[in-house]
PDB file of all heavy atoms in Angstrom:
ATOM      1  N   LEU A   1      79.985  22.799 -12.386  1.00  0.00           N
ATOM      2  CA  LEU A   1      79.620  21.408 -12.292  1.00  0.00           C
ATOM      3  C   LEU A   1      79.730  20.978 -10.860  1.00  0.00           C
ATOM      4  O   LEU A   1      78.976  20.203 -10.210  1.00  0.00           O
ATOM      5  CB  LEU A   1      80.365  20.625 -13.315  1.00  0.00           C
ATOM      6  CG  LEU A   1      80.024  20.802 -14.756  1.00  0.00           C
ATOM      7  CD1 LEU A   1      80.885  19.971 -15.564  1.00  0.00           C
ATOM      8  CD2 LEU A   1      78.513  20.444 -15.023  1.00  0.00           C
ATOM      9  N   PHE A   2      81.008  21.277 -10.347  1.00  0.00           N
ATOM     10  CA  PHE A   2      81.235  20.894  -8.943  1.00  0.00           C
ATOM     11  C   PHE A   2      80.126  21.465  -7.841  1.00  0.00           C
ATOM     12  O   PHE A   2      79.639  20.667  -6.970  1.00  0.00           O
ATOM     13  CB  PHE A   2      82.670  21.308  -8.480  1.00  0.00           C
ATOM     14  CG  PHE A   2      82.873  21.105  -7.017  1.00  0.00           C
ATOM     15  CD1 PHE A   2      83.176  19.806  -6.462  1.00  0.00           C
ATOM     16  CD2 PHE A   2      82.827  22.190  -6.130  1.00  0.00           C
ATOM     17  CE1 PHE A   2      83.401  19.635  -5.214  1.00  0.00           C
ATOM     18  CE2 PHE A   2      83.126  21.986  -4.828  1.00  0.00           C
ATOM     19  CZ  PHE A   2      83.308  20.645  -4.321  1.00  0.00           C
ATOM     20  N   MET A   3      79.869  22.648  -8.096  1.00  0.00           N
ATOM     21  CA  MET A   3      78.900  23.255  -7.115  1.00  0.00           C
ATOM     22  C   MET A   3      77.518  22.745  -7.391  1.00  0.00           C
ATOM     23  O   MET A   3      76.771  22.674  -6.461  1.00  0.00           O
ATOM     24  CB  MET A   3      79.022  24.759  -7.275  1.00  0.00           C
ATOM     25  CG  MET A   3      80.266  25.376  -6.838  1.00  0.00           C
ATOM     26  SD  MET A   3      80.723  24.955  -5.102  1.00  0.00           S
ATOM     27  CE  MET A   3      80.282  26.523  -4.290  1.00  0.00           C
ATOM     28  N   ALA A   4      77.145  22.476  -8.578  1.00  0.00           N
ATOM     29  CA  ALA A   4      75.884  21.831  -8.831  1.00  0.00           C
ATOM     30  C   ALA A   4      75.742  20.482  -8.161  1.00  0.00           C
ATOM     31  O   ALA A   4      74.699  20.209  -7.562  1.00  0.00           O
ATOM     32  CB  ALA A   4      75.589  21.645 -10.319  1.00  0.00           C
ATOM     33  N   ALA A   5      76.880  19.636  -8.107  1.00  0.00           N
ATOM     34  CA  ALA A   5      76.882  18.489  -7.369  1.00  0.00           C
ATOM     35  C   ALA A   5      76.687  18.791  -5.828  1.00  0.00           C
ATOM     36  O   ALA A   5      76.026  18.002  -5.138  1.00  0.00           O
ATOM     37  CB  ALA A   5      78.111  17.611  -7.739  1.00  0.00           C
ATOM     38  N   SER A   6      77.444  19.814  -5.338  1.00  0.00           N
ATOM     39  CA  SER A   6      77.429  20.089  -3.924  1.00  0.00           C
ATOM     40  C   SER A   6      75.969  20.497  -3.523  1.00  0.00           C
ATOM     41  O   SER A   6      75.502  20.201  -2.390  1.00  0.00           O
ATOM     42  CB  SER A   6      78.362  21.239  -3.789  1.00  0.00           C
ATOM     43  OG  SER A   6      79.695  20.811  -4.070  1.00  0.00           O
ATOM     44  N   ALA A   7      75.251  21.215  -4.469  1.00  0.00           N
ATOM     45  CA  ALA A   7      73.895  21.792  -4.150  1.00  0.00           C
ATOM     46  C   ALA A   7      73.010  20.473  -3.944  1.00  0.00           C
ATOM     47  O   ALA A   7      72.161  20.535  -2.949  1.00  0.00           O
ATOM     48  CB  ALA A   7      73.395  22.640  -5.248  1.00  0.00           C
ATOM     49  N   THR A   8      73.139  19.633  -4.760  1.00  0.00           N
ATOM     50  CA  THR A   8      72.324  18.315  -4.604  1.00  0.00           C
ATOM     51  C   THR A   8      72.518  17.649  -3.405  1.00  0.00           C
ATOM     52  O   THR A   8      71.526  17.167  -2.679  1.00  0.00           O
ATOM     53  CB  THR A   8      72.603  17.473  -5.867  1.00  0.00           C
ATOM     54  OG1 THR A   8      72.387  18.129  -7.180  1.00  0.00           O
ATOM     55  CG2 THR A   8      71.697  16.140  -5.720  1.00  0.00           C
ATOM     56  N   LEU A   9      73.814  17.525  -2.943  1.00  0.00           N
ATOM     57  CA  LEU A   9      74.092  16.895  -1.690  1.00  0.00           C
ATOM     58  C   LEU A   9      73.518  17.580  -0.490  1.00  0.00           C
ATOM     59  O   LEU A   9      73.088  16.977   0.463  1.00  0.00           O
ATOM     60  CB  LEU A   9      75.642  16.685  -1.636  1.00  0.00           C
ATOM     61  CG  LEU A   9      76.183  15.581  -2.601  1.00  0.00           C
ATOM     62  CD1 LEU A   9      77.763  15.581  -2.387  1.00  0.00           C
ATOM     63  CD2 LEU A   9      75.640  14.235  -2.334  1.00  0.00           C
ATOM     64  N   ILE A  10      73.703  18.882  -0.512  1.00  0.00           N
ATOM     65  CA  ILE A  10      73.174  19.717   0.553  1.00  0.00           C
ATOM     66  C   ILE A  10      71.766  19.579   0.838  1.00  0.00           C
ATOM     67  O   ILE A  10      71.212  19.424   1.872  1.00  0.00           O
ATOM     68  CB  ILE A  10      73.582  21.270   0.338  1.00  0.00           C
ATOM     69  CG1 ILE A  10      75.121  21.265   0.504  1.00  0.00           C
ATOM     70  CG2 ILE A  10      72.922  22.104   1.390  1.00  0.00           C
ATOM     71  CD1 ILE A  10      75.562  22.753   0.212  1.00  0.00           C
ATOM     72  N   ILE A  11      70.930  19.597  -0.376  1.00  0.00           N
ATOM     73  CA  ILE A  11      69.521  19.466  -0.313  1.00  0.00           C
ATOM     74  C   ILE A  11      69.158  18.096   0.286  1.00  0.00           C
ATOM     75  O   ILE A  11      68.196  17.915   1.183  1.00  0.00           O
ATOM     76  CB  ILE A  11      68.909  19.745  -1.710  1.00  0.00           C
ATOM     77  CG1 ILE A  11      69.053  21.195  -2.024  1.00  0.00           C
ATOM     78  CG2 ILE A  11      67.450  19.255  -1.678  1.00  0.00           C
ATOM     79  CD1 ILE A  11      68.573  21.429  -3.426  1.00  0.00           C
ATOM     80  N   LEU A  12      69.863  17.004  -0.156  1.00  0.00           N
ATOM     81  CA  LEU A  12      69.494  15.696   0.327  1.00  0.00           C
ATOM     82  C   LEU A  12      69.794  15.489   1.807  1.00  0.00           C
ATOM     83  O   LEU A  12      69.117  14.828   2.492  1.00  0.00           O
ATOM     84  CB  LEU A  12      70.274  14.677  -0.487  1.00  0.00           C
ATOM     85  CG  LEU A  12      69.952  14.527  -1.890  1.00  0.00           C
ATOM     86  CD1 LEU A  12      70.790  13.573  -2.764  1.00  0.00           C
ATOM     87  CD2 LEU A  12      68.441  14.079  -2.055  1.00  0.00           C
ATOM     88  N   ALA A  13      70.876  16.214   2.317  1.00  0.00           N
ATOM     89  CA  ALA A  13      71.162  16.068   3.725  1.00  0.00           C
ATOM     90  C   ALA A  13      70.847  17.185   4.635  1.00  0.00           C
ATOM     91  O   ALA A  13      71.286  17.243   5.700  1.00  0.00           O
ATOM     92  CB  ALA A  13      72.672  15.856   3.671  1.00  0.00           C
ATOM     93  N   LYS A  14      69.988  18.166   4.207  1.00  0.00           N
ATOM     94  CA  LYS A  14      69.636  19.243   4.854  1.00  0.00           C
ATOM     95  C   LYS A  14      69.143  19.019   6.294  1.00  0.00           C
ATOM     96  O   LYS A  14      69.215  19.737   7.300  1.00  0.00           O
ATOM     97  CB  LYS A  14      68.670  20.222   4.111  1.00  0.00           C
ATOM     98  CG  LYS A  14      67.361  19.590   3.921  1.00  0.00           C
ATOM     99  CD  LYS A  14      66.359  20.476   3.176  1.00  0.00           C
ATOM    100  CE  LYS A  14      65.012  19.804   2.916  1.00  0.00           C
ATOM    101  NZ  LYS A  14      64.316  19.370   4.008  1.00  0.00           N
ATOM    102  N   ASP A  15      68.323  17.829   6.456  1.00  0.00           N
ATOM    103  CA  ASP A  15      67.718  17.598   7.738  1.00  0.00           C
ATOM    104  C   ASP A  15      68.737  16.901   8.686  1.00  0.00           C
ATOM    105  O   ASP A  15      68.606  16.707   9.861  1.00  0.00           O
ATOM    106  CB  ASP A  15      66.594  16.782   7.612  1.00  0.00           C
ATOM    107  CG  ASP A  15      65.389  17.437   6.906  1.00  0.00           C
ATOM    108  OD1 ASP A  15      65.156  18.710   7.369  1.00  0.00           O
ATOM    109  OD2 ASP A  15      64.841  17.080   5.927  1.00  0.00           O
ATOM    110  N   LEU A  16      69.670  16.163   8.008  1.00  0.00           N
ATOM    111  CA  LEU A  16      70.806  15.356   8.737  1.00  0.00           C
ATOM    112  C   LEU A  16      71.948  16.178   9.362  1.00  0.00           C
ATOM    113  O   LEU A  16      72.377  16.051  10.527  1.00  0.00           O
ATOM    114  CB  LEU A  16      71.284  14.242   7.864  1.00  0.00           C
ATOM    115  CG  LEU A  16      72.431  13.395   8.508  1.00  0.00           C
ATOM    116  CD1 LEU A  16      71.747  12.626   9.692  1.00  0.00           C
ATOM    117  CD2 LEU A  16      72.898  12.495   7.365  1.00  0.00           C
ATOM    118  N   ILE A  17      72.388  17.194   8.508  1.00  0.00           N
ATOM    119  CA  ILE A  17      73.553  17.963   8.959  1.00  0.00           C
ATOM    120  C   ILE A  17      73.471  18.634  10.193  1.00  0.00           C
ATOM    121  O   ILE A  17      74.326  18.493  11.037  1.00  0.00           O
ATOM    122  CB  ILE A  17      73.807  19.006   7.802  1.00  0.00           C
ATOM    123  CG1 ILE A  17      74.359  18.350   6.518  1.00  0.00           C
ATOM    124  CG2 ILE A  17      74.846  19.986   8.260  1.00  0.00           C
ATOM    125  CD1 ILE A  17      74.468  19.299   5.331  1.00  0.00           C
ATOM    126  N   PRO A  18      72.236  19.389  10.616  1.00  0.00           N
ATOM    127  CA  PRO A  18      72.296  19.944  11.860  1.00  0.00           C
ATOM    128  C   PRO A  18      72.384  19.144  13.145  1.00  0.00           C
ATOM    129  O   PRO A  18      72.769  19.600  14.155  1.00  0.00           O
ATOM    130  CB  PRO A  18      70.845  20.708  11.911  1.00  0.00           C
ATOM    131  CG  PRO A  18      70.579  20.830  10.387  1.00  0.00           C
ATOM    132  CD  PRO A  18      71.103  19.591   9.696  1.00  0.00           C
ATOM    133  N   LEU A  19      72.072  17.806  12.817  1.00  0.00           N
ATOM    134  CA  LEU A  19      72.101  17.006  14.024  1.00  0.00           C
ATOM    135  C   LEU A  19      73.569  16.724  14.505  1.00  0.00           C
ATOM    136  O   LEU A  19      73.758  16.400  15.734  1.00  0.00           O
ATOM    137  CB  LEU A  19      71.557  15.555  13.668  1.00  0.00           C
ATOM    138  CG  LEU A  19      70.205  15.484  13.230  1.00  0.00           C
ATOM    139  CD1 LEU A  19      69.829  14.166  12.708  1.00  0.00           C
ATOM    140  CD2 LEU A  19      69.285  15.964  14.367  1.00  0.00           C
ATOM    141  N   PHE A  20      74.577  17.002  13.659  1.00  0.00           N
ATOM    142  CA  PHE A  20      75.954  16.846  14.085  1.00  0.00           C
ATOM    143  C   PHE A  20      76.470  17.977  14.914  1.00  0.00           C
ATOM    144  O   PHE A  20      77.539  17.897  15.498  1.00  0.00           O
ATOM    145  CB  PHE A  20      76.831  16.795  12.814  1.00  0.00           C
ATOM    146  CG  PHE A  20      76.715  15.550  12.095  1.00  0.00           C
ATOM    147  CD1 PHE A  20      75.909  15.437  10.939  1.00  0.00           C
ATOM    148  CD2 PHE A  20      77.362  14.372  12.541  1.00  0.00           C
ATOM    149  CE1 PHE A  20      75.683  14.161  10.271  1.00  0.00           C
ATOM    150  CE2 PHE A  20      77.204  13.125  11.764  1.00  0.00           C
ATOM    151  CZ  PHE A  20      76.374  13.051  10.674  1.00  0.00           C
ATOM    152  N   TYR A  21      75.656  19.149  14.983  1.00  0.00           N
ATOM    153  CA  TYR A  21      76.090  20.301  15.604  1.00  0.00           C
ATOM    154  C   TYR A  21      75.629  20.591  17.080  1.00  0.00           C
ATOM    155  O   TYR A  21      76.406  20.846  18.019  1.00  0.00           O
ATOM    156  CB  TYR A  21      75.823  21.553  14.711  1.00  0.00           C
ATOM    157  CG  TYR A  21      76.688  21.802  13.531  1.00  0.00           C
ATOM    158  CD1 TYR A  21      76.439  20.970  12.320  1.00  0.00           C
ATOM    159  CD2 TYR A  21      77.744  22.578  13.466  1.00  0.00           C
ATOM    160  CE1 TYR A  21      77.206  21.162  11.191  1.00  0.00           C
ATOM    161  CE2 TYR A  21      78.533  22.788  12.405  1.00  0.00           C
ATOM    162  CZ  TYR A  21      78.178  22.081  11.314  1.00  0.00           C
ATOM    163  OH  TYR A  21      79.008  22.172  10.203  1.00  0.00           O
ATOM    164  N   VAL A  22      74.262  20.510  17.180  1.00  0.00           N
ATOM    165  CA  VAL A  22      73.670  20.890  18.390  1.00  0.00           C
ATOM    166  C   VAL A  22      72.377  20.120  18.678  1.00  0.00           C
ATOM    167  O   VAL A  22      71.694  19.850  17.669  1.00  0.00           O
ATOM    168  CB  VAL A  22      73.498  22.414  18.561  1.00  0.00           C
ATOM    169  CG1 VAL A  22      72.523  22.834  17.480  1.00  0.00           C
ATOM    170  CG2 VAL A  22      73.132  22.993  19.881  1.00  0.00           C
ATOM    171  N   GLN A  23      72.051  20.007  20.002  1.00  0.00           N
ATOM    172  CA  GLN A  23      70.821  19.309  20.319  1.00  0.00           C
ATOM    173  C   GLN A  23      69.726  20.379  20.648  1.00  0.00           C
ATOM    174  O   GLN A  23      69.372  20.491  21.800  1.00  0.00           O
ATOM    175  CB  GLN A  23      71.020  18.293  21.537  1.00  0.00           C
ATOM    176  CG  GLN A  23      72.233  17.374  21.333  1.00  0.00           C
ATOM    177  CD  GLN A  23      71.985  16.513  19.978  1.00  0.00           C
ATOM    178  OE1 GLN A  23      70.846  15.906  19.831  1.00  0.00           O
ATOM    179  NE2 GLN A  23      72.984  16.300  19.382  1.00  0.00           N
ATOM    180  N   ASP A  24      69.128  20.868  19.643  1.00  0.00           N
ATOM    181  CA  ASP A  24      68.136  21.980  19.858  1.00  0.00           C
ATOM    182  C   ASP A  24      67.277  21.885  18.636  1.00  0.00           C
ATOM    183  O   ASP A  24      67.704  22.306  17.466  1.00  0.00           O
ATOM    184  CB  ASP A  24      68.754  23.389  19.900  1.00  0.00           C
ATOM    185  CG  ASP A  24      67.841  24.419  20.335  1.00  0.00           C
ATOM    186  OD1 ASP A  24      66.684  24.410  19.722  1.00  0.00           O
ATOM    187  OD2 ASP A  24      68.176  25.281  21.201  1.00  0.00           O
ATOM    188  N   VAL A  25      65.959  21.495  18.897  1.00  0.00           N
ATOM    189  CA  VAL A  25      65.009  21.268  17.638  1.00  0.00           C
ATOM    190  C   VAL A  25      64.798  22.573  16.834  1.00  0.00           C
ATOM    191  O   VAL A  25      64.776  22.476  15.637  1.00  0.00           O
ATOM    192  CB  VAL A  25      63.721  20.708  18.178  1.00  0.00           C
ATOM    193  CG1 VAL A  25      62.746  20.489  17.069  1.00  0.00           C
ATOM    194  CG2 VAL A  25      64.067  19.294  18.849  1.00  0.00           C
ATOM    195  N   ALA A  26      64.621  23.625  17.607  1.00  0.00           N
ATOM    196  CA  ALA A  26      64.467  24.918  16.791  1.00  0.00           C
ATOM    197  C   ALA A  26      65.619  25.394  15.969  1.00  0.00           C
ATOM    198  O   ALA A  26      65.403  25.813  14.887  1.00  0.00           O
ATOM    199  CB  ALA A  26      64.139  25.949  17.932  1.00  0.00           C
TER     200      ALA A  26
END
């Protein structure tokens, strides 16, 4: 159940998360 909730959050934030790491569009 915990990992199912995590999966939902990851999908919703998939485009936002990389922005915290590096400034490279590719």
